[in-house]
Amino acid sequence: MQLDWFTTVAQIVNFLILVALLKRFLYGPIVRAMDSRAAHIAARVREAEDKLAVAEQQTTLYHDRLHELDARRDALLMQAREEAEAQRQHLLEQARQDVQQAQARWRTVL
């Protein structure tokens, strides 16, 4: 079997043309689509990270506010208890005085 140089060279040229066409019309668009998709995914990841950072800041802020409100509530409850105890002591003292005055009047009447 003899090698036909013209056919061999033609096949090599056809192969190179095929590779060039595949690169231009198939490989190039696929690579561009993959790059575009990777850029889109990266942008969405950055957006999600930004939203996560904002959410964490808001969570921290709300926890701080919650602790502040708890402290204020505790302080107000303590103040109300103290005022109620003071009022109770005042009313008890007033009741004792009224009882003593009533007893004094009964004694004078008797």
Protein backbone atom coordinates (compact mmCIF):
# COMPACT_ATOMS: atom_id res chain seq x y z
CA MET A 1 0.00 0.00 0.00
CA GLN A 2 1.35 3.30 -1.03
CA LEU A 3 0.87 6.61 0.71
CA ASP A 4 -0.82 9.26 -1.35
CA TRP A 5 0.79 12.54 -0.26
CA PHE A 6 -1.92 14.70 -1.71
CA THR A 7 -4.66 12.91 0.27
CA THR A 8 -2.59 13.02 3.46
CA VAL A 9 -1.94 16.74 3.12
CA ALA A 10 -5.62 17.37 2.27
CA GLN A 11 -6.73 15.46 5.34
CA ILE A 12 -4.31 17.44 7.52
CA VAL A 13 -5.62 20.69 6.05
CA ASN A 14 -9.24 19.52 6.54
CA PHE A 15 -8.44 18.61 10.15
CA LEU A 16 -6.89 22.05 10.80
CA ILE A 17 -9.90 23.76 9.20
CA LEU A 18 -12.22 21.64 11.33
CA VAL A 19 -10.27 22.53 14.49
CA ALA A 20 -10.35 26.26 13.58
CA LEU A 21 -14.11 26.13 12.90
CA LEU A 22 -14.80 24.25 16.14
CA LYS A 23 -12.72 26.73 18.07
CA ARG A 24 -14.48 29.69 16.54
CA PHE A 25 -18.08 28.46 16.52
CA LEU A 26 -18.18 25.94 19.35
CA TYR A 27 -15.38 26.36 21.85
CA GLY A 28 -15.46 30.21 21.91
CA PRO A 29 -19.21 30.56 22.63
CA ILE A 30 -19.09 27.79 25.23
CA VAL A 31 -16.18 29.45 27.02
CA ARG A 32 -17.94 32.85 26.88
CA ALA A 33 -21.16 31.30 28.25
CA MET A 34 -19.22 29.61 31.06
CA ASP A 35 -17.41 32.87 31.90
CA SER A 36 -20.69 34.78 31.86
CA ARG A 37 -22.32 32.21 34.12
CA ALA A 38 -19.33 32.23 36.51
CA ALA A 39 -19.49 36.04 36.67
CA HIS A 40 -23.24 35.90 37.34
CA ILE A 41 -22.76 33.34 40.10
CA ALA A 42 -19.94 35.39 41.65
CA ALA A 43 -22.16 38.50 41.61
CA ARG A 44 -24.97 36.60 43.32
CA VAL A 45 -22.58 35.24 45.93
CA ARG A 46 -21.29 38.76 46.65
CA GLU A 47 -24.87 40.02 46.90
CA ALA A 48 -25.77 37.21 49.29
CA GLU A 49 -22.69 37.94 51.43
CA ASP A 50 -23.64 41.62 51.56
CA LYS A 51 -27.18 40.76 52.60
CA LEU A 52 -25.84 38.37 55.22
CA ALA A 53 -23.56 41.08 56.62
CA VAL A 54 -26.50 43.52 56.81
CA ALA A 55 -28.65 40.88 58.48
CA GLU A 56 -25.94 40.15 61.04
CA GLN A 57 -25.61 43.88 61.80
CA GLN A 58 -29.36 44.17 62.26
CA THR A 59 -29.41 41.09 64.46
CA THR A 60 -26.69 42.55 66.65
CA LEU A 61 -28.54 45.87 66.80
CA TYR A 62 -31.82 44.17 67.76
CA HIS A 63 -30.13 42.05 70.41
CA ASP A 64 -28.56 45.18 71.90
CA ARG A 65 -31.93 46.92 71.89
CA LEU A 66 -33.55 43.89 73.46
CA HIS A 67 -30.99 43.82 76.26
CA GLU A 68 -31.46 47.56 76.79
CA LEU A 69 -35.24 47.14 76.97
CA ASP A 70 -34.87 44.24 79.41
CA ALA A 71 -32.64 46.38 81.63
CA ARG A 72 -35.10 49.28 81.49
CA ARG A 73 -38.02 46.94 82.25
CA ASP A 74 -36.18 45.48 85.22
CA ALA A 75 -35.34 48.96 86.50
CA LEU A 76 -38.94 50.12 86.11
CA LEU A 77 -40.26 47.02 87.86
CA MET A 78 -37.84 47.52 90.72
CA GLN A 79 -38.85 51.17 91.00
CA ALA A 80 -42.56 50.24 90.96
CA ARG A 81 -42.00 47.63 93.67
CA GLU A 82 -40.14 50.15 95.82
CA GLU A 83 -42.87 52.73 95.34
CA ALA A 84 -45.55 50.14 96.15
CA GLU A 85 -43.67 49.10 99.30
CA ALA A 86 -43.27 52.74 100.35
CA GLN A 87 -46.97 53.35 99.73
CA ARG A 88 -47.84 50.21 101.71
CA GLN A 89 -45.67 51.34 104.63
CA HIS A 90 -47.25 54.79 104.50
CA LEU A 91 -50.78 53.35 104.48
CA LEU A 92 -49.93 50.97 107.33
CA GLU A 93 -48.54 53.83 109.39
CA GLN A 94 -51.58 55.93 108.63
CA ALA A 95 -53.87 53.04 109.61
CA ARG A 96 -51.96 52.60 112.90
CA GLN A 97 -52.32 56.29 113.65
CA ASP A 98 -56.04 56.14 112.87
CA VAL A 99 -56.43 53.12 115.15
CA GLN A 100 -54.49 54.87 117.94
CA GLN A 101 -56.64 57.98 117.58
CA ALA A 102 -59.79 55.88 117.60
CA GLN A 103 -58.57 54.03 120.70
CA ALA A 104 -57.77 57.34 122.38
CA ARG A 105 -61.29 58.61 121.66
CA TRP A 106 -62.84 55.39 122.97
CA ARG A 107 -60.81 55.66 126.13
CA THR A 108 -61.89 59.24 126.67
CA VAL A 109 -65.50 58.33 125.97
CA LEU A 110 -65.34 55.38 128.34
